[in-house]
């Protein structure tokens, strides 16, 4: 039991020593007026604490870190890159198809719940139950396709024009297929539900 207390006490002492070293290296103390806290987004120079005390916070003027007092260091912030016009148009089309498909998917998920509730209430032959289960499986597959596309898709900032256009054409085809799968499952579900 004494050995356990000793280890616990040693851990506590180690943590205090470690924390003291961090604070000493940071030079805690507010030596000077805090810098302006507005961040720059236009590609101009901004300033940040070299110790990153404020986790990525940037300032528009030089000064001292309000947490540790160290001099803020200059950092360049890149202006956001714009896509070429053709790629931007494709990107908007692709995202519009996605938005349409998401509305259909919400309806499909409502249908799926209704079908499951109906199946729980009704007694069905094996053949009828299989038909319902096939539609539910198609709905799950369509939803998985949409979720997979959403996880993969990224706006192609920084790509060469031809690469961005090719990427977006491919993504547009994929989201169109996903939308079509959702709509097909939605139609199949409608046939199973009473009006």
N, C-alpha and C. Protein backbone atom coordinates (compact mmCIF):
# COMPACT_ATOMS: atom_id res chain seq x y z
N UNK A 1 0.82 -1.20 0.00
CA UNK A 1 0.00 0.00 0.00
C UNK A 1 0.86 1.25 0.00
N UNK A 2 1.94 1.22 0.80
CA UNK A 2 2.86 2.37 0.86
C UNK A 2 3.50 2.61 -0.49
N UNK A 3 3.83 1.51 -1.18
CA UNK A 3 4.46 1.61 -2.51
C UNK A 3 3.54 2.33 -3.49
N UNK A 4 2.22 2.03 -3.45
CA UNK A 4 1.25 2.67 -4.33
C UNK A 4 1.17 4.16 -4.03
N UNK A 5 1.16 4.53 -2.74
CA UNK A 5 1.13 5.94 -2.37
C UNK A 5 2.38 6.66 -2.86
N UNK A 6 3.53 5.95 -2.78
CA UNK A 6 4.79 6.54 -3.22
C UNK A 6 4.75 6.83 -4.71
N UNK A 7 4.25 5.87 -5.51
CA UNK A 7 4.16 6.05 -6.97
C UNK A 7 3.21 7.20 -7.28
N UNK A 8 2.07 7.24 -6.59
CA UNK A 8 1.10 8.30 -6.81
C UNK A 8 1.71 9.66 -6.49
N UNK A 9 2.45 9.72 -5.41
CA UNK A 9 3.10 10.97 -5.01
C UNK A 9 4.16 11.37 -6.03
N UNK A 10 4.90 10.40 -6.56
CA UNK A 10 5.94 10.68 -7.57
C UNK A 10 5.31 11.21 -8.85
N UNK A 11 4.17 10.65 -9.25
CA UNK A 11 3.48 11.12 -10.44
C UNK A 11 3.06 12.58 -10.26
N UNK A 12 2.53 12.89 -9.08
CA UNK A 12 2.09 14.25 -8.78
C UNK A 12 3.26 15.23 -8.86
N UNK A 13 4.39 14.85 -8.26
CA UNK A 13 5.59 15.71 -8.27
C UNK A 13 6.09 15.90 -9.70
N UNK A 14 6.10 14.80 -10.49
CA UNK A 14 6.53 14.87 -11.89
C UNK A 14 5.65 15.82 -12.68
N UNK A 15 4.33 15.76 -12.45
CA UNK A 15 3.41 16.65 -13.16
C UNK A 15 3.67 18.11 -12.80
N UNK A 16 3.92 18.38 -11.52
CA UNK A 16 4.19 19.76 -11.08
C UNK A 16 5.47 20.27 -11.72
N UNK A 17 6.53 19.44 -11.73
CA UNK A 17 7.81 19.84 -12.32
C UNK A 17 7.62 20.11 -13.81
N UNK A 18 6.90 19.25 -14.49
CA UNK A 18 6.67 19.41 -15.93
C UNK A 18 5.91 20.70 -16.21
N UNK A 19 4.86 20.96 -15.44
CA UNK A 19 4.07 22.18 -15.60
C UNK A 19 4.93 23.42 -15.34
N UNK A 20 5.77 23.36 -14.32
CA UNK A 20 6.66 24.48 -14.01
C UNK A 20 7.61 24.77 -15.15
N UNK A 21 8.16 23.71 -15.77
CA UNK A 21 9.07 23.90 -16.91
C UNK A 21 8.36 24.56 -18.08
N UNK A 22 7.14 24.13 -18.34
CA UNK A 22 6.37 24.73 -19.44
C UNK A 22 6.11 26.21 -19.17
N UNK A 23 5.68 26.51 -17.96
CA UNK A 23 5.39 27.91 -17.62
C UNK A 23 6.66 28.76 -17.68
N UNK A 24 7.78 28.21 -17.23
CA UNK A 24 9.04 28.96 -17.25
C UNK A 24 9.48 29.22 -18.68
N UNK A 25 9.33 28.22 -19.57
CA UNK A 25 9.75 28.41 -20.95
C UNK A 25 8.84 29.39 -21.68
N UNK A 26 7.62 29.49 -21.22
CA UNK A 26 6.66 30.40 -21.83
C UNK A 26 6.86 31.83 -21.31
N UNK A 27 7.57 31.97 -20.18
CA UNK A 27 7.82 33.29 -19.61
C UNK A 27 6.54 33.99 -19.21
N UNK A 28 5.67 33.29 -18.47
CA UNK A 28 4.37 33.86 -18.09
C UNK A 28 4.50 35.24 -17.50
N UNK A 29 3.54 36.06 -17.81
CA UNK A 29 3.52 37.44 -17.35
C UNK A 29 3.11 38.29 -18.52
N UNK A 30 2.29 39.23 -18.31
CA UNK A 30 1.79 40.05 -19.41
C UNK A 30 2.65 41.30 -19.51
N UNK A 31 3.74 41.24 -20.31
CA UNK A 31 4.68 42.36 -20.42
C UNK A 31 4.27 43.27 -21.56
N UNK A 32 3.35 44.08 -21.35
CA UNK A 32 2.96 44.99 -22.42
C UNK A 32 1.50 44.85 -22.77
N UNK A 33 1.11 45.72 -23.63
CA UNK A 33 -0.28 45.81 -24.05
C UNK A 33 -0.62 44.68 -25.02
N UNK A 34 -1.76 43.99 -24.85
CA UNK A 34 -2.14 42.95 -25.79
C UNK A 34 -2.36 43.54 -27.18
N UNK A 35 -2.03 42.72 -28.17
CA UNK A 35 -2.20 43.15 -29.56
C UNK A 35 -3.67 43.16 -29.93
N UNK A 36 -3.99 43.83 -31.03
CA UNK A 36 -5.33 43.86 -31.59
C UNK A 36 -5.71 42.43 -31.98
N UNK A 37 -6.90 41.98 -31.64
CA UNK A 37 -7.27 40.58 -31.86
C UNK A 37 -7.98 40.31 -33.18
N UNK A 38 -8.00 41.27 -34.10
CA UNK A 38 -8.64 41.05 -35.39
C UNK A 38 -7.71 40.23 -36.27
N UNK A 39 -8.23 39.19 -36.95
CA UNK A 39 -7.39 38.38 -37.83
C UNK A 39 -7.49 38.86 -39.25
N UNK A 40 -6.40 38.68 -40.00
CA UNK A 40 -6.37 39.08 -41.41
C UNK A 40 -6.76 37.90 -42.28
N UNK A 41 -7.57 38.16 -43.30
CA UNK A 41 -7.97 37.08 -44.21
C UNK A 41 -7.66 37.43 -45.66
N UNK A 42 -6.94 38.50 -45.88
CA UNK A 42 -6.73 38.96 -47.25
C UNK A 42 -5.33 38.69 -47.78
N UNK A 43 -4.58 37.81 -47.13
CA UNK A 43 -3.24 37.49 -47.61
C UNK A 43 -2.17 38.39 -47.03
N UNK A 44 -2.51 39.33 -46.15
CA UNK A 44 -1.51 40.21 -45.56
C UNK A 44 -0.80 39.48 -44.42
N UNK A 45 0.23 40.14 -43.86
CA UNK A 45 0.96 39.54 -42.75
C UNK A 45 0.14 39.65 -41.48
N UNK A 46 0.14 38.58 -40.72
CA UNK A 46 -0.50 38.58 -39.41
C UNK A 46 0.55 38.12 -38.41
N UNK A 47 0.20 38.20 -37.13
CA UNK A 47 1.16 37.88 -36.07
C UNK A 47 0.55 36.86 -35.13
N UNK A 48 1.41 35.96 -34.62
CA UNK A 48 0.93 34.91 -33.72
C UNK A 48 2.00 34.62 -32.68
N UNK A 49 1.56 34.07 -31.57
CA UNK A 49 2.49 33.68 -30.51
C UNK A 49 3.32 32.49 -30.97
N UNK A 50 4.66 32.53 -30.77
CA UNK A 50 5.49 31.39 -31.17
C UNK A 50 5.18 30.13 -30.36
N UNK A 51 4.60 30.29 -29.16
CA UNK A 51 4.24 29.14 -28.32
C UNK A 51 2.82 28.65 -28.62
N UNK A 52 2.11 29.36 -29.48
CA UNK A 52 0.72 29.03 -29.84
C UNK A 52 -0.17 28.91 -28.60
N UNK A 53 0.02 29.85 -27.67
CA UNK A 53 -0.76 29.84 -26.42
C UNK A 53 -2.26 29.89 -26.66
N UNK A 54 -2.66 30.62 -27.72
CA UNK A 54 -4.09 30.80 -27.96
C UNK A 54 -4.59 29.92 -29.11
N UNK A 55 -3.87 28.86 -29.39
CA UNK A 55 -4.30 27.84 -30.36
C UNK A 55 -4.72 28.42 -31.70
N UNK A 56 -3.77 29.03 -32.40
CA UNK A 56 -4.02 29.50 -33.76
C UNK A 56 -4.53 30.92 -33.88
N UNK A 57 -4.71 31.62 -32.78
CA UNK A 57 -5.22 33.00 -32.85
C UNK A 57 -4.17 33.89 -33.50
N UNK A 58 -4.63 34.75 -34.40
CA UNK A 58 -3.75 35.66 -35.14
C UNK A 58 -4.11 37.11 -34.81
N UNK A 59 -3.12 38.00 -34.97
CA UNK A 59 -3.30 39.42 -34.73
C UNK A 59 -2.85 40.20 -35.96
N UNK A 60 -3.44 41.38 -36.16
CA UNK A 60 -3.08 42.19 -37.33
C UNK A 60 -1.88 43.09 -37.08
N UNK A 61 -1.51 43.26 -35.80
CA UNK A 61 -0.39 44.14 -35.47
C UNK A 61 0.62 43.40 -34.60
N UNK A 62 1.90 43.80 -34.67
CA UNK A 62 2.88 43.19 -33.77
C UNK A 62 2.58 43.59 -32.33
N UNK A 63 3.11 42.84 -31.40
CA UNK A 63 2.90 43.11 -29.98
C UNK A 63 3.34 41.92 -29.17
N UNK A 64 2.80 41.77 -27.98
CA UNK A 64 3.13 40.63 -27.13
C UNK A 64 1.90 39.73 -26.97
N UNK A 65 2.19 38.46 -26.78
CA UNK A 65 1.11 37.50 -26.51
C UNK A 65 0.47 37.87 -25.19
N UNK A 66 -0.85 38.00 -25.12
CA UNK A 66 -1.50 38.37 -23.87
C UNK A 66 -1.44 37.25 -22.82
N UNK A 67 -1.08 36.03 -23.25
CA UNK A 67 -1.01 34.91 -22.31
C UNK A 67 0.38 34.78 -21.72
N UNK A 68 1.42 34.67 -22.59
CA UNK A 68 2.78 34.41 -22.09
C UNK A 68 3.70 35.63 -22.17
N UNK A 69 3.31 36.67 -22.89
CA UNK A 69 4.12 37.88 -22.96
C UNK A 69 5.22 37.85 -24.02
N UNK A 70 5.39 36.75 -24.73
CA UNK A 70 6.43 36.69 -25.77
C UNK A 70 6.04 37.57 -26.94
N UNK A 71 7.06 38.05 -27.68
CA UNK A 71 6.79 38.85 -28.86
C UNK A 71 6.07 38.01 -29.91
N UNK A 72 5.03 38.58 -30.50
CA UNK A 72 4.31 37.88 -31.57
C UNK A 72 5.21 37.83 -32.80
N UNK A 73 5.15 36.73 -33.54
CA UNK A 73 5.96 36.55 -34.75
C UNK A 73 5.11 36.73 -35.99
N UNK A 74 5.70 37.31 -37.05
CA UNK A 74 4.93 37.49 -38.29
C UNK A 74 4.66 36.16 -38.98
N UNK A 75 3.48 36.04 -39.54
CA UNK A 75 3.09 34.86 -40.33
C UNK A 75 2.35 35.36 -41.56
N UNK A 76 2.62 34.75 -42.69
CA UNK A 76 1.90 35.12 -43.92
C UNK A 76 0.66 34.25 -44.01
N UNK A 77 -0.45 34.85 -44.36
CA UNK A 77 -1.70 34.12 -44.54
C UNK A 77 -2.07 34.20 -46.01
N UNK A 78 -2.19 33.04 -46.62
CA UNK A 78 -2.52 33.01 -48.05
C UNK A 78 -3.97 33.43 -48.26
N UNK A 79 -4.19 34.19 -49.30
CA UNK A 79 -5.56 34.56 -49.67
C UNK A 79 -6.26 33.31 -50.20
N UNK A 80 -7.56 33.15 -49.97
CA UNK A 80 -8.25 31.97 -50.46
C UNK A 80 -8.18 31.90 -51.99
N UNK A 81 -7.89 30.69 -52.47
CA UNK A 81 -7.77 30.51 -53.92
C UNK A 81 -9.16 30.36 -54.55
N UNK A 82 -9.30 30.94 -55.73
CA UNK A 82 -10.56 30.81 -56.45
C UNK A 82 -10.39 29.78 -57.55
N UNK A 83 -11.47 29.06 -57.84
CA UNK A 83 -11.44 28.08 -58.92
C UNK A 83 -11.60 28.80 -60.25
N UNK A 84 -11.03 28.23 -61.33
CA UNK A 84 -11.31 28.78 -62.66
C UNK A 84 -12.83 28.73 -62.92
N UNK A 85 -13.32 29.60 -63.81
CA UNK A 85 -14.77 29.75 -64.04
C UNK A 85 -15.45 28.43 -64.39
N UNK A 86 -14.84 27.63 -65.29
CA UNK A 86 -15.47 26.36 -65.68
C UNK A 86 -15.57 25.41 -64.49
N UNK A 87 -14.51 25.35 -63.69
CA UNK A 87 -14.51 24.47 -62.52
C UNK A 87 -15.50 24.98 -61.47
N UNK A 88 -15.59 26.29 -61.31
CA UNK A 88 -16.52 26.88 -60.33
C UNK A 88 -17.96 26.55 -60.72
N UNK A 89 -18.27 26.62 -62.03
CA UNK A 89 -19.62 26.29 -62.50
C UNK A 89 -19.93 24.81 -62.24
N UNK A 90 -18.97 23.94 -62.51
CA UNK A 90 -19.14 22.51 -62.25
C UNK A 90 -19.33 22.24 -60.76
N UNK A 91 -18.57 22.95 -59.96
CA UNK A 91 -18.67 22.79 -58.51
C UNK A 91 -20.07 23.16 -58.03
N UNK A 92 -20.61 24.26 -58.54
CA UNK A 92 -21.95 24.69 -58.15
C UNK A 92 -23.01 23.69 -58.60
N UNK A 93 -22.86 23.15 -59.82
CA UNK A 93 -23.80 22.14 -60.32
C UNK A 93 -23.76 20.90 -59.44
N UNK A 94 -22.56 20.47 -59.12
CA UNK A 94 -22.37 19.27 -58.30
C UNK A 94 -23.00 19.45 -56.93
N UNK A 95 -22.76 20.59 -56.32
CA UNK A 95 -23.31 20.86 -54.99
C UNK A 95 -24.84 21.01 -55.03
N UNK A 96 -25.37 21.54 -56.14
CA UNK A 96 -26.83 21.66 -56.28
C UNK A 96 -27.47 20.27 -56.39
N UNK A 97 -26.82 19.37 -57.13
CA UNK A 97 -27.33 17.99 -57.25
C UNK A 97 -27.32 17.33 -55.88
N UNK A 98 -26.23 17.56 -55.13
CA UNK A 98 -26.14 17.02 -53.78
C UNK A 98 -27.29 17.52 -52.90
N UNK A 99 -27.57 18.82 -52.97
CA UNK A 99 -28.63 19.39 -52.14
C UNK A 99 -30.00 18.78 -52.49
N UNK A 100 -30.25 18.60 -53.79
CA UNK A 100 -31.49 17.94 -54.25
C UNK A 100 -31.58 16.53 -53.69
N UNK A 101 -30.48 15.80 -53.83
CA UNK A 101 -30.45 14.40 -53.40
C UNK A 101 -30.64 14.29 -51.89
N UNK A 102 -30.15 15.26 -51.14
CA UNK A 102 -30.32 15.21 -49.67
C UNK A 102 -31.79 15.34 -49.29
N UNK A 103 -32.54 16.16 -50.02
CA UNK A 103 -33.99 16.29 -49.75
C UNK A 103 -34.68 14.96 -50.03
N UNK A 104 -34.30 14.35 -51.16
CA UNK A 104 -34.89 13.04 -51.50
C UNK A 104 -34.50 11.99 -50.46
N UNK A 105 -33.26 12.07 -49.97
CA UNK A 105 -32.82 11.09 -48.99
C UNK A 105 -33.59 11.23 -47.68
N UNK A 106 -33.90 12.46 -47.30
CA UNK A 106 -34.70 12.67 -46.08
C UNK A 106 -36.07 12.03 -46.24
N UNK A 107 -36.68 12.19 -47.42
CA UNK A 107 -37.98 11.56 -47.69
C UNK A 107 -37.84 10.04 -47.69
N UNK A 108 -36.75 9.55 -48.30
CA UNK A 108 -36.51 8.10 -48.34
C UNK A 108 -36.38 7.54 -46.92
N UNK A 109 -35.70 8.26 -46.04
CA UNK A 109 -35.54 7.78 -44.66
C UNK A 109 -36.87 7.76 -43.92
N UNK A 110 -37.73 8.73 -44.19
CA UNK A 110 -39.08 8.71 -43.59
C UNK A 110 -39.85 7.48 -44.08
N UNK A 111 -39.74 7.22 -45.38
CA UNK A 111 -40.41 6.05 -45.95
C UNK A 111 -39.89 4.77 -45.32
N UNK A 112 -38.59 4.70 -45.16
CA UNK A 112 -37.96 3.51 -44.57
C UNK A 112 -38.53 3.24 -43.18
N UNK A 113 -38.66 4.29 -42.38
CA UNK A 113 -39.24 4.11 -41.03
C UNK A 113 -40.69 3.63 -41.11
N UNK A 114 -41.46 4.19 -42.04
CA UNK A 114 -42.86 3.77 -42.19
C UNK A 114 -42.95 2.30 -42.61
N UNK A 115 -42.07 1.91 -43.53
CA UNK A 115 -42.07 0.52 -44.00
C UNK A 115 -41.74 -0.42 -42.84
N UNK A 116 -40.74 -0.06 -42.05
CA UNK A 116 -40.35 -0.90 -40.90
C UNK A 116 -41.48 -1.00 -39.89
N UNK A 117 -42.18 0.13 -39.63
CA UNK A 117 -43.32 0.11 -38.71
C UNK A 117 -44.43 -0.78 -39.25
N UNK A 118 -44.67 -0.68 -40.55
CA UNK A 118 -45.72 -1.48 -41.19
C UNK A 118 -45.37 -2.97 -41.11
N UNK A 119 -44.11 -3.28 -41.35
CA UNK A 119 -43.69 -4.69 -41.29
C UNK A 119 -43.82 -5.25 -39.88
N UNK A 120 -43.58 -4.40 -38.87
CA UNK A 120 -43.69 -4.86 -37.48
C UNK A 120 -45.15 -5.14 -37.11
N UNK A 121 -46.10 -4.41 -37.72
CA UNK A 121 -47.52 -4.57 -37.40
C UNK A 121 -48.18 -5.69 -38.20
N UNK A 122 -47.75 -5.91 -39.42
CA UNK A 122 -48.43 -6.84 -40.32
C UNK A 122 -47.81 -8.24 -40.24
N UNK A 123 -48.63 -9.22 -40.51
CA UNK A 123 -48.07 -10.55 -40.69
C UNK A 123 -47.93 -10.75 -42.21
N UNK A 124 -46.76 -11.20 -42.64
CA UNK A 124 -46.45 -11.30 -44.07
C UNK A 124 -45.94 -12.69 -44.39
N UNK A 125 -46.17 -13.08 -45.63
CA UNK A 125 -45.55 -14.32 -46.09
C UNK A 125 -44.07 -14.05 -46.29
N UNK A 126 -43.29 -15.08 -46.40
CA UNK A 126 -41.84 -14.93 -46.57
C UNK A 126 -41.53 -14.15 -47.85
N UNK A 127 -42.28 -14.43 -48.92
CA UNK A 127 -42.06 -13.77 -50.20
C UNK A 127 -42.33 -12.26 -50.12
N UNK A 128 -43.41 -11.89 -49.45
CA UNK A 128 -43.76 -10.47 -49.30
C UNK A 128 -42.71 -9.78 -48.43
N UNK A 129 -42.32 -10.42 -47.34
CA UNK A 129 -41.31 -9.85 -46.44
C UNK A 129 -39.99 -9.63 -47.19
N UNK A 130 -39.65 -10.56 -48.07
CA UNK A 130 -38.40 -10.41 -48.86
C UNK A 130 -38.49 -9.19 -49.77
N UNK A 131 -39.65 -8.98 -50.36
CA UNK A 131 -39.86 -7.82 -51.23
C UNK A 131 -39.64 -6.52 -50.45
N UNK A 132 -40.21 -6.46 -49.25
CA UNK A 132 -40.04 -5.27 -48.40
C UNK A 132 -38.58 -5.11 -47.98
N UNK A 133 -37.96 -6.23 -47.60
CA UNK A 133 -36.55 -6.18 -47.18
C UNK A 133 -35.62 -5.76 -48.31
N UNK A 134 -35.97 -6.17 -49.54
CA UNK A 134 -35.16 -5.76 -50.70
C UNK A 134 -35.21 -4.24 -50.89
N UNK A 135 -36.40 -3.66 -50.71
CA UNK A 135 -36.54 -2.21 -50.84
C UNK A 135 -35.76 -1.51 -49.72
N UNK A 136 -35.86 -2.03 -48.50
CA UNK A 136 -35.11 -1.44 -47.38
C UNK A 136 -33.60 -1.53 -47.62
N UNK A 137 -33.15 -2.65 -48.18
CA UNK A 137 -31.73 -2.82 -48.48
C UNK A 137 -31.28 -1.82 -49.54
N UNK A 138 -32.14 -1.58 -50.55
CA UNK A 138 -31.82 -0.60 -51.60
C UNK A 138 -31.73 0.81 -51.00
N UNK A 139 -32.60 1.09 -50.04
CA UNK A 139 -32.56 2.39 -49.36
C UNK A 139 -31.27 2.56 -48.57
N UNK A 140 -30.89 1.51 -47.86
CA UNK A 140 -29.64 1.57 -47.07
C UNK A 140 -28.43 1.74 -47.99
N UNK A 141 -28.43 1.03 -49.11
CA UNK A 141 -27.32 1.13 -50.05
C UNK A 141 -27.25 2.54 -50.66
N UNK A 142 -28.41 3.10 -50.99
CA UNK A 142 -28.45 4.46 -51.56
C UNK A 142 -27.94 5.47 -50.54
N UNK A 143 -28.33 5.31 -49.28
CA UNK A 143 -27.85 6.23 -48.25
C UNK A 143 -26.35 6.08 -48.04
N UNK A 144 -25.86 4.84 -48.03
CA UNK A 144 -24.42 4.61 -47.87
C UNK A 144 -23.64 5.23 -49.02
N UNK A 145 -24.20 5.16 -50.24
CA UNK A 145 -23.55 5.77 -51.40
C UNK A 145 -23.43 7.28 -51.23
N UNK A 146 -24.50 7.91 -50.73
CA UNK A 146 -24.47 9.35 -50.51
C UNK A 146 -23.46 9.71 -49.42
N UNK A 147 -23.47 8.97 -48.33
CA UNK A 147 -22.55 9.26 -47.23
C UNK A 147 -21.10 9.06 -47.68
N UNK A 148 -20.86 8.05 -48.50
CA UNK A 148 -19.51 7.82 -49.03
C UNK A 148 -19.06 8.97 -49.92
N UNK A 149 -19.98 9.44 -50.77
CA UNK A 149 -19.63 10.57 -51.64
C UNK A 149 -19.32 11.81 -50.81
N UNK A 150 -20.13 12.07 -49.80
CA UNK A 150 -19.92 13.25 -48.96
C UNK A 150 -18.58 13.18 -48.22
N UNK A 151 -18.19 11.99 -47.80
CA UNK A 151 -16.91 11.85 -47.09
C UNK A 151 -15.73 12.07 -48.04
N UNK A 152 -15.92 11.72 -49.31
CA UNK A 152 -14.83 11.81 -50.30
C UNK A 152 -14.71 13.19 -50.94
N UNK A 153 -15.82 13.87 -51.13
CA UNK A 153 -15.83 15.11 -51.91
C UNK A 153 -15.16 16.27 -51.19
N UNK A 154 -14.30 16.95 -51.91
CA UNK A 154 -13.68 18.18 -51.43
C UNK A 154 -13.60 19.15 -52.59
N UNK A 155 -13.88 20.41 -52.34
CA UNK A 155 -13.77 21.42 -53.39
C UNK A 155 -12.29 21.48 -53.80
N UNK A 156 -11.98 21.42 -55.11
CA UNK A 156 -10.60 21.26 -55.54
C UNK A 156 -9.78 22.56 -55.56
N UNK A 157 -9.65 23.22 -54.44
CA UNK A 157 -8.85 24.45 -54.38
C UNK A 157 -7.38 24.09 -54.57
N UNK A 158 -6.69 24.89 -55.34
CA UNK A 158 -5.26 24.69 -55.54
C UNK A 158 -4.90 23.73 -56.66
N UNK A 159 -5.88 23.08 -57.28
CA UNK A 159 -5.60 22.17 -58.41
C UNK A 159 -5.44 22.98 -59.69
N UNK A 160 -4.69 22.42 -60.61
CA UNK A 160 -4.62 23.01 -61.95
C UNK A 160 -6.01 22.95 -62.58
N UNK A 161 -6.30 23.88 -63.50
CA UNK A 161 -7.65 23.98 -64.08
C UNK A 161 -8.12 22.65 -64.66
N UNK A 162 -7.30 22.01 -65.50
CA UNK A 162 -7.71 20.76 -66.14
C UNK A 162 -7.98 19.66 -65.11
N UNK A 163 -7.12 19.59 -64.09
CA UNK A 163 -7.30 18.58 -63.04
C UNK A 163 -8.57 18.84 -62.24
N UNK A 164 -8.82 20.12 -61.94
CA UNK A 164 -10.02 20.49 -61.18
C UNK A 164 -11.29 20.16 -61.97
N UNK A 165 -11.28 20.46 -63.27
CA UNK A 165 -12.44 20.17 -64.13
C UNK A 165 -12.67 18.66 -64.21
N UNK A 166 -11.60 17.91 -64.42
CA UNK A 166 -11.71 16.44 -64.51
C UNK A 166 -12.24 15.87 -63.19
N UNK A 167 -11.70 16.32 -62.08
CA UNK A 167 -12.14 15.86 -60.76
C UNK A 167 -13.63 16.16 -60.55
N UNK A 168 -14.03 17.38 -60.88
CA UNK A 168 -15.43 17.78 -60.67
C UNK A 168 -16.39 17.05 -61.61
N UNK A 169 -15.96 16.77 -62.83
CA UNK A 169 -16.80 15.99 -63.74
C UNK A 169 -17.04 14.60 -63.16
N UNK A 170 -15.98 14.01 -62.62
CA UNK A 170 -16.09 12.68 -61.99
C UNK A 170 -17.01 12.74 -60.77
N UNK A 171 -16.84 13.77 -59.94
CA UNK A 171 -17.68 13.91 -58.75
C UNK A 171 -19.14 14.17 -59.11
N UNK A 172 -19.35 14.92 -60.19
CA UNK A 172 -20.72 15.19 -60.63
C UNK A 172 -21.40 13.89 -61.07
N UNK A 173 -20.67 13.06 -61.80
CA UNK A 173 -21.23 11.76 -62.23
C UNK A 173 -21.57 10.89 -61.01
N UNK A 174 -20.68 10.90 -60.03
CA UNK A 174 -20.91 10.08 -58.83
C UNK A 174 -22.13 10.56 -58.05
N UNK A 175 -22.27 11.88 -57.90
CA UNK A 175 -23.41 12.39 -57.13
C UNK A 175 -24.71 12.21 -57.91
N UNK A 176 -24.65 12.27 -59.25
CA UNK A 176 -25.84 12.00 -60.06
C UNK A 176 -26.28 10.55 -59.87
N UNK A 177 -25.33 9.63 -59.84
CA UNK A 177 -25.67 8.22 -59.62
C UNK A 177 -26.26 8.03 -58.23
N UNK A 178 -25.66 8.68 -57.26
CA UNK A 178 -26.18 8.60 -55.89
C UNK A 178 -27.61 9.13 -55.82
N UNK A 179 -27.86 10.28 -56.45
CA UNK A 179 -29.20 10.86 -56.49
C UNK A 179 -30.18 9.91 -57.16
N UNK A 180 -29.76 9.31 -58.30
CA UNK A 180 -30.63 8.39 -59.03
C UNK A 180 -30.94 7.14 -58.21
N UNK A 181 -29.95 6.64 -57.46
CA UNK A 181 -30.17 5.47 -56.59
C UNK A 181 -31.18 5.80 -55.49
N UNK A 182 -31.05 6.99 -54.93
CA UNK A 182 -31.98 7.42 -53.88
C UNK A 182 -33.39 7.54 -54.45
N UNK A 183 -33.51 8.14 -55.63
CA UNK A 183 -34.84 8.31 -56.25
C UNK A 183 -35.47 6.96 -56.61
N UNK A 184 -34.65 6.02 -57.09
CA UNK A 184 -35.18 4.69 -57.44
C UNK A 184 -35.68 3.99 -56.18
N UNK A 185 -34.92 4.09 -55.08
CA UNK A 185 -35.34 3.47 -53.82
C UNK A 185 -36.60 4.14 -53.29
N UNK A 186 -36.69 5.44 -53.46
CA UNK A 186 -37.86 6.21 -53.04
C UNK A 186 -39.10 5.76 -53.80
N UNK A 187 -38.97 5.58 -55.11
CA UNK A 187 -40.10 5.12 -55.93
C UNK A 187 -40.52 3.71 -55.53
N UNK A 188 -39.54 2.84 -55.29
CA UNK A 188 -39.86 1.47 -54.88
C UNK A 188 -40.58 1.48 -53.53
N UNK A 189 -40.17 2.37 -52.64
CA UNK A 189 -40.83 2.48 -51.33
C UNK A 189 -42.25 2.96 -51.44
N UNK A 190 -42.50 3.90 -52.35
CA UNK A 190 -43.85 4.44 -52.54
C UNK A 190 -44.83 3.33 -52.92
N UNK A 191 -44.35 2.39 -53.72
CA UNK A 191 -45.21 1.28 -54.18
C UNK A 191 -45.62 0.36 -53.04
N UNK A 192 -44.83 0.33 -51.97
CA UNK A 192 -45.13 -0.55 -50.85
C UNK A 192 -46.05 0.08 -49.82
N UNK A 193 -46.09 1.40 -49.83
CA UNK A 193 -46.87 2.10 -48.78
C UNK A 193 -48.27 2.44 -49.27
N UNK A 194 -49.24 2.37 -48.38
CA UNK A 194 -50.60 2.74 -48.78
C UNK A 194 -50.67 4.25 -49.03
N UNK A 195 -51.54 4.65 -49.93
CA UNK A 195 -51.69 6.07 -50.29
C UNK A 195 -52.16 6.88 -49.10
